[in-house]
Protein backbone atom coordinates (compact mmCIF):
# COMPACT_ATOMS: atom_id res chain seq x y z
CA UNK A 1 -14.94 31.40 42.30
CA UNK A 2 -15.21 27.93 40.80
CA UNK A 3 -17.99 27.42 38.28
CA UNK A 4 -20.24 24.38 38.69
CA UNK A 5 -22.57 23.69 35.77
CA UNK A 6 -26.18 23.07 36.57
CA UNK A 7 -27.62 19.54 36.21
CA UNK A 8 -29.47 20.69 33.08
CA UNK A 9 -26.27 21.99 31.49
CA UNK A 10 -24.48 18.73 32.26
CA UNK A 11 -27.34 16.79 30.65
CA UNK A 12 -27.16 18.94 27.51
CA UNK A 13 -23.37 18.48 27.24
CA UNK A 14 -23.62 14.70 27.67
CA UNK A 15 -26.42 14.48 25.14
CA UNK A 16 -24.47 16.46 22.55
CA UNK A 17 -21.36 14.39 23.17
CA UNK A 18 -23.30 11.15 22.82
CA UNK A 19 -24.88 12.40 19.62
CA UNK A 20 -21.48 13.28 18.16
CA UNK A 21 -20.15 9.85 19.06
CA UNK A 22 -23.19 8.19 17.50
CA UNK A 23 -22.48 10.01 14.24
CA UNK A 24 -18.86 8.88 14.16
CA UNK A 25 -18.64 5.89 11.78
CA UNK A 26 -17.46 2.64 13.28
CA UNK A 27 -15.13 0.66 11.06
CA UNK A 28 -15.04 -2.21 10.80
CA UNK A 29 -18.34 -3.23 12.33
CA UNK A 30 -18.43 -6.64 10.63
CA UNK A 31 -16.52 -8.83 8.19
CA UNK A 32 -14.94 -7.06 5.20
CA UNK A 33 -15.34 -8.36 1.66
CA UNK A 34 -12.60 -7.95 -0.95
CA UNK A 35 -14.14 -8.34 -4.40
CA UNK A 36 -11.64 -9.43 -7.05
CA UNK A 37 -13.29 -9.08 -10.48
CA UNK A 38 -10.75 -11.44 -12.05
CA UNK A 39 -9.85 -15.11 -11.77
CA UNK A 40 -7.54 -16.67 -9.18
CA UNK A 41 -3.82 -16.22 -9.73
CA UNK A 42 -4.15 -12.80 -11.33
CA UNK A 43 -2.39 -9.72 -9.97
CA UNK A 44 -5.44 -8.43 -8.09
CA UNK A 45 -6.11 -11.86 -6.63
CA UNK A 46 -2.51 -12.27 -5.45
CA UNK A 47 -2.62 -8.86 -3.78
CA UNK A 48 -6.02 -9.38 -2.17
CA UNK A 49 -4.89 -12.67 -0.65
CA UNK A 50 -1.63 -11.13 0.52
CA UNK A 51 -3.10 -7.96 2.02
CA UNK A 52 -6.32 -9.49 3.31
CA UNK A 53 -4.83 -11.41 6.27
CA UNK A 54 -2.72 -8.41 7.31
CA UNK A 55 -5.74 -6.12 7.21
CA UNK A 56 -7.70 -8.70 9.17
CA UNK A 57 -5.05 -8.60 11.90
CA UNK A 58 -5.38 -4.83 12.13
CA UNK A 59 -9.17 -4.77 12.03
CA UNK A 60 -9.84 -7.84 14.21
CA UNK A 61 -12.54 -9.06 11.80
CA UNK A 62 -12.63 -11.57 8.95
CA UNK A 63 -11.50 -10.32 5.55
CA UNK A 64 -12.82 -12.53 2.76
CA UNK A 65 -11.64 -12.57 -0.86
CA UNK A 66 -14.49 -13.02 -3.36
CA UNK A 67 -13.50 -13.71 -6.98
CA UNK A 68 -16.11 -12.60 -9.53
CA UNK A 69 -14.44 -12.76 -12.97
CA UNK A 70 -16.01 -11.98 -16.31
CA UNK A 71 -16.32 -9.28 -18.98
CA UNK A 72 -12.79 -7.94 -18.41
CA UNK A 73 -13.71 -7.33 -14.77
CA UNK A 74 -17.00 -5.52 -15.42
CA UNK A 75 -19.13 -8.13 -13.61
CA UNK A 76 -17.29 -7.91 -10.29
CA UNK A 77 -16.92 -4.14 -10.48
CA UNK A 78 -20.66 -3.73 -11.08
CA UNK A 79 -21.37 -5.82 -7.97
CA UNK A 80 -19.02 -3.63 -5.91
CA UNK A 81 -20.74 -0.47 -7.16
CA UNK A 82 -24.00 -1.64 -5.56
CA UNK A 83 -22.44 -2.18 -2.14
CA UNK A 84 -23.35 -0.03 0.84
CA UNK A 85 -21.06 3.02 1.15
CA UNK A 86 -19.64 1.96 4.49
CA UNK A 87 -16.21 0.65 3.53
CA UNK A 88 -17.01 -3.01 4.19
CA UNK A 89 -16.94 -3.96 0.49
CA UNK A 90 -13.67 -3.16 -1.27
CA UNK A 91 -12.94 -3.96 -4.90
CA UNK A 92 -9.39 -4.61 -6.14
CA UNK A 93 -8.89 -3.41 -9.71
CA UNK A 94 -6.03 -3.40 -12.20
CA UNK A 95 -5.18 -1.38 -15.29
CA UNK A 96 -7.94 -3.00 -17.34
CA UNK A 97 -10.42 -1.09 -15.16
CA UNK A 98 -9.62 2.00 -17.24
CA UNK A 99 -10.19 0.03 -20.45
CA UNK A 100 -13.66 -1.37 -19.65
CA UNK A 101 -15.62 1.85 -20.40
CA UNK A 102 -14.22 1.98 -23.92
CA UNK A 103 -15.20 -1.63 -24.62
CA UNK A 104 -18.68 -1.86 -23.13
CA UNK A 105 -21.41 0.67 -23.81
CA UNK A 106 -24.01 -0.43 -21.25
CA UNK A 107 -22.00 -0.62 -18.04
CA UNK A 108 -23.86 -0.69 -14.74
CA UNK A 109 -21.36 1.74 -13.25
CA UNK A 110 -19.32 4.84 -14.04
CA UNK A 111 -15.58 4.33 -13.46
CA UNK A 112 -15.22 7.75 -11.82
CA UNK A 113 -18.63 8.63 -10.37
CA UNK A 114 -19.56 5.21 -8.96
CA UNK A 115 -16.50 4.78 -6.74
CA UNK A 116 -14.32 6.48 -4.19
CA UNK A 117 -10.63 5.59 -4.59
CA UNK A 118 -8.96 4.18 -1.50
CA UNK A 119 -5.37 3.75 -2.64
CA UNK A 120 -3.14 2.82 -5.54
CA UNK A 121 -1.50 -0.39 -4.39
CA UNK A 122 1.15 -1.16 -6.98
CA UNK A 123 2.68 -0.42 -10.33
CA UNK A 124 4.71 -2.61 -12.62
CA UNK A 125 6.13 -2.28 -16.12
CA UNK A 126 4.98 -4.71 -18.75
CA UNK A 127 7.44 -6.72 -20.82
CA UNK A 128 7.75 -6.75 -24.60
CA UNK A 129 8.98 -10.23 -25.45
CA UNK A 130 9.58 -12.07 -28.70
CA UNK A 131 10.34 -15.60 -29.80
CA UNK A 132 14.09 -16.22 -29.47
CA UNK A 133 14.45 -17.41 -33.07
CA UNK A 134 13.76 -13.88 -34.26
CA UNK A 135 16.93 -11.89 -34.96
CA UNK A 136 16.11 -8.59 -33.17
CA UNK A 137 17.81 -7.84 -29.88
CA UNK A 138 16.37 -4.35 -29.48
CA UNK A 139 13.02 -2.66 -30.02
CA UNK A 140 14.38 -0.65 -32.93
CA UNK A 141 15.49 -3.85 -34.66
CA UNK A 142 12.09 -5.42 -33.99
CA UNK A 143 10.28 -2.38 -35.45
CA UNK A 144 12.53 -2.43 -38.51
CA UNK A 145 11.81 -6.14 -39.03
CA UNK A 146 8.06 -5.58 -38.71
CA UNK A 147 8.19 -2.74 -41.24
CA UNK A 148 10.11 -4.89 -43.70
CA UNK A 149 7.48 -7.61 -43.31
CA UNK A 150 4.15 -5.78 -42.84
CA UNK A 151 1.31 -8.08 -41.87
CA UNK A 152 3.56 -11.12 -41.54
CA UNK A 153 4.52 -11.02 -37.87
CA UNK A 154 1.85 -11.98 -35.34
CA UNK A 155 1.37 -11.24 -31.66
CA UNK A 156 -0.65 -13.11 -29.06
CA UNK A 157 -3.02 -11.90 -26.36
CA UNK A 158 -5.38 -13.58 -23.88
CA UNK A 159 -8.33 -12.23 -25.86
CA UNK A 160 -9.92 -9.24 -27.54
CA UNK A 161 -10.06 -6.25 -25.22
CA UNK A 162 -7.51 -7.64 -22.77
CA UNK A 163 -4.87 -5.33 -21.32
CA UNK A 164 -2.22 -7.22 -23.29
CA UNK A 165 -4.18 -6.66 -26.49
CA UNK A 166 -4.52 -2.92 -25.96
CA UNK A 167 -0.91 -2.54 -24.85
CA UNK A 168 0.34 -3.97 -28.15
CA UNK A 169 -2.16 -1.90 -30.12
CA UNK A 170 -0.81 1.22 -28.40
CA UNK A 171 2.70 0.12 -29.34
CA UNK A 172 1.58 -0.35 -32.95
CA UNK A 173 -0.04 3.10 -33.05
CA UNK A 174 3.07 4.81 -31.73
CA UNK A 175 5.59 2.91 -33.89
CA UNK A 176 3.59 2.53 -37.10
CA UNK A 177 4.10 -1.23 -37.43
CA UNK A 178 1.59 -3.70 -38.84
CA UNK A 179 1.60 -6.80 -36.62
CA UNK A 180 -1.37 -9.14 -36.72
CA UNK A 181 -3.32 -9.82 -33.54
CA UNK A 182 -4.01 -13.46 -32.66
CA UNK A 183 -6.43 -13.56 -29.71
CA UNK A 184 -6.55 -16.59 -27.44
CA UNK A 185 -8.99 -17.67 -24.76
CA UNK A 186 -6.67 -17.10 -21.86
CA UNK A 187 -3.05 -16.25 -21.22
CA UNK A 188 -1.87 -19.84 -20.99
CA UNK A 189 -2.71 -20.56 -24.61
CA UNK A 190 -1.17 -17.30 -25.75
CA UNK A 191 2.13 -18.07 -24.00
CA UNK A 192 2.15 -21.65 -25.33
CA UNK A 193 1.72 -20.45 -28.91
CA UNK A 194 4.46 -17.87 -28.49
CA UNK A 195 6.95 -20.35 -27.07
CA UNK A 196 6.01 -22.77 -29.85
CA UNK A 197 6.81 -20.16 -32.49
CA UNK A 198 3.25 -19.94 -33.87
CA UNK A 199 3.23 -16.22 -33.03
CA UNK A 200 6.23 -13.96 -32.64
CA UNK A 201 5.55 -11.49 -29.82
CA UNK A 202 3.50 -10.50 -26.82
CA UNK A 203 3.30 -7.69 -24.28
CA UNK A 204 2.48 -9.11 -20.88
CA UNK A 205 3.24 -8.79 -17.20
CA UNK A 206 6.77 -9.33 -16.00
CA UNK A 207 5.66 -12.05 -13.61
CA UNK A 208 4.04 -13.97 -16.48
CA UNK A 209 7.08 -13.97 -18.75
CA UNK A 210 9.73 -14.16 -16.03
CA UNK A 211 10.31 -17.95 -15.97
CA UNK A 212 10.25 -18.23 -19.76
CA UNK A 213 12.75 -15.42 -20.25
CA UNK A 214 15.05 -16.90 -17.61
CA UNK A 215 14.89 -20.28 -19.36
CA UNK A 216 15.63 -18.60 -22.72
CA UNK A 217 12.36 -19.78 -24.26
CA UNK A 218 11.48 -16.11 -24.78
CA UNK A 219 13.54 -12.95 -25.24
CA UNK A 220 12.57 -9.75 -23.44
CA UNK A 221 13.57 -6.70 -25.48
CA UNK A 222 11.97 -3.88 -23.45
CA UNK A 223 10.24 -2.87 -20.27
CA UNK A 224 7.30 -0.58 -20.95
CA UNK A 225 7.32 1.55 -17.79
CA UNK A 226 9.05 4.71 -16.74
CA UNK A 227 11.85 2.67 -15.21
CA UNK A 228 13.41 -0.75 -15.72
CA UNK A 229 11.92 -3.83 -14.16
CA UNK A 230 13.63 -4.90 -10.94
CA UNK A 231 13.32 -8.48 -12.20
CA UNK A 232 15.23 -7.64 -15.41
CA UNK A 233 17.44 -4.64 -14.63
CA UNK A 234 19.58 -5.21 -17.74
CA UNK A 235 16.64 -4.78 -20.13
CA UNK A 236 16.17 -1.10 -21.11
CA UNK A 237 12.83 0.68 -21.28
CA UNK A 238 11.13 1.79 -24.48
CA UNK A 239 12.15 5.39 -23.78
CA UNK A 240 15.75 4.39 -23.26
CA UNK A 241 15.63 2.83 -26.72
CA UNK A 242 14.35 5.98 -28.35
CA UNK A 243 10.58 5.49 -28.24
CA UNK A 244 8.63 8.24 -26.45
CA UNK A 245 6.22 5.79 -24.93
CA UNK A 246 5.64 4.29 -21.53
CA UNK A 247 2.75 2.45 -19.92
CA UNK A 248 2.48 0.26 -16.88
CA UNK A 249 0.08 -2.10 -15.27
CA UNK A 250 -1.20 -1.09 -11.86
CA UNK A 251 -3.55 -2.13 -9.11
CA UNK A 252 -5.66 -0.30 -6.59
CA UNK A 253 -8.60 -0.47 -4.22
CA UNK A 254 -11.99 1.25 -4.51
CA UNK A 255 -15.15 1.50 -2.45
CA UNK A 256 -18.59 2.62 -3.56
CA UNK A 257 -19.24 6.31 -3.99
CA UNK A 258 -20.48 8.42 -1.08
CA UNK A 259 -18.48 6.42 1.42
CA UNK A 260 -17.99 8.61 4.49
CA UNK A 261 -14.66 10.49 4.56
CA UNK A 262 -13.87 8.95 7.96
CA UNK A 263 -14.11 5.46 6.45
CA UNK A 264 -11.84 6.47 3.57
CA UNK A 265 -9.29 7.96 5.92
CA UNK A 266 -9.26 4.79 8.00
CA UNK A 267 -8.99 2.51 4.97
CA UNK A 268 -6.27 4.57 3.32
CA UNK A 269 -4.21 4.70 6.50
CA UNK A 270 -4.44 0.97 7.13
CA UNK A 271 -3.65 0.05 3.53
CA UNK A 272 -0.62 2.36 3.60
CA UNK A 273 0.56 0.76 6.84
CA UNK A 274 0.27 -2.77 5.42
CA UNK A 275 2.09 -1.76 2.23
CA UNK A 276 5.03 -0.59 4.35
CA UNK A 277 5.55 -3.99 6.00
CA UNK A 278 8.67 -5.86 4.93
CA UNK A 279 6.86 -9.11 4.13
CA UNK A 280 4.38 -7.42 1.79
CA UNK A 281 7.10 -5.44 0.03
CA UNK A 282 9.17 -8.61 -0.42
CA UNK A 283 6.18 -10.50 -1.80
CA UNK A 284 5.44 -7.71 -4.27
CA UNK A 285 9.08 -7.52 -5.34
CA UNK A 286 9.02 -11.24 -6.15
CA UNK A 287 6.04 -10.55 -8.38
CA UNK A 288 7.80 -7.67 -10.14
CA UNK A 289 5.57 -5.05 -8.50
CA UNK A 290 6.48 -1.77 -6.83
CA UNK A 291 4.33 -0.64 -3.88
CA UNK A 292 2.82 2.82 -4.38
CA UNK A 293 0.48 3.89 -1.58
CA UNK A 294 -0.17 7.53 -0.82
CA UNK A 295 -3.48 9.44 -0.67
CA UNK A 296 -6.66 8.49 -2.54
CA UNK A 297 -6.27 11.56 -4.79
CA UNK A 298 -3.18 10.03 -6.38
CA UNK A 299 -5.17 6.99 -7.46
CA UNK A 300 -8.07 9.10 -8.73
CA UNK A 301 -5.68 11.15 -10.88
CA UNK A 302 -4.22 7.98 -12.40
CA UNK A 303 -7.66 6.64 -13.36
CA UNK A 304 -8.67 9.94 -14.91
CA UNK A 305 -5.44 10.01 -16.98
CA UNK A 306 -5.79 6.44 -18.16
CA UNK A 307 -9.42 6.53 -19.32
CA UNK A 308 -8.94 8.80 -22.38
CA UNK A 309 -5.68 7.10 -23.37
CA UNK A 310 -7.25 3.67 -23.74
CA UNK A 311 -10.44 5.08 -25.25
CA UNK A 312 -8.28 6.47 -28.06
CA UNK A 313 -6.62 3.09 -28.60
CA UNK A 314 -9.94 1.24 -28.70
CA UNK A 315 -11.44 3.73 -31.13
CA UNK A 316 -8.42 3.95 -33.43
CA UNK A 317 -7.80 0.21 -33.54
CA UNK A 318 -11.56 -0.50 -33.81
CA UNK A 319 -11.36 -3.06 -31.03
CA UNK A 320 -14.47 -5.11 -30.28
CA UNK A 321 -14.90 -7.59 -27.44
CA UNK A 322 -15.98 -11.16 -28.14
C-alpha cells in the first residue's frame, strides 16, 4: 500500500527544508573586498590584482582590491580583523605578517585568534646578493670576508623591521658575522645604494633583484629557500653551500575569525581552482613564485611555525621599528 503523507506532515517537511536552506550561507551575496595591507607593486598587491578578476569571473560579483599600507602591514590587517565574518572581506598577507607581533606591542588583532586562514597562495626563496666588486662567489667566501672585516661590511634594507631586515639578521645570527645594517625608507633607495657600492649586500625577493643580477650590476650568491629559485637555477641554496638555514617569503589569504565553515570551504575551493589555471601559474613563475594551495590547515601551520622564529630574531637583535 502506497503511503501518502498528510497535509500537516507535508507542511512540516517543507518548513524544515526551508529553514535548513535559510541557514545555508550564501556566498557571495555582494561585492568582495581584497584588502592588501601593503603598497602597490608589492607581492600581495600583484597577486590580489591577478587573482581578483579570476575570482570575480567565478563568483559573478565585483572583486575590488583595496590597498591600505602602513606599519609593516598592521594597519590593513587591523581593518580586516574588524570585518564581518562572512567571507566578503579577504586580506592578502605576506611573510611580514608573522613578524608584526614581535615589533608592535599594542596590535588591534591577534595573528592567530583574529583570523581564519583561507589558503597559502605562494612561496618563493629570497636572494642573497652582493655588490659585484666584492671578491666572494659563494656564501662561505662572503662569511669569511665578513669575519675578517667585522663591522666594516654593510647591508641595506627598506627599513627597520622589514622582512629584508629580519632575514639578514637571521643570517647573521646563524653565521656569526657582524655586518652593519643601513635602513632606508623604501626598497628603491636600498637597491640604488647597493648598486652604487655604498653598501655591500642585501637579502630581498628574487623578483626585486632579478633585472639587476641579469645585468651584472649585482651578484646573487644564494637562494634562501628549501630549493633553488626557478629564475636562477644555477645559484645554489644556503643549505647546498653548507649552512643549515632556509627561509622563504610567502603569501596567503585570511578572513576574520568565526567565519562560517561553509564560507571557508567555498573560498578555499575557489582559490585552489584559480591557482591551478595556466595563466596564473605562468604569471607567478615570471615573478619567481611557486603556487602552493591546499587546505587552510596548511597555512595555519605555517603561520604558527613562523611566529616564534621571527620573535627570536627581533628579541636577539634588539630590533625596534621607526
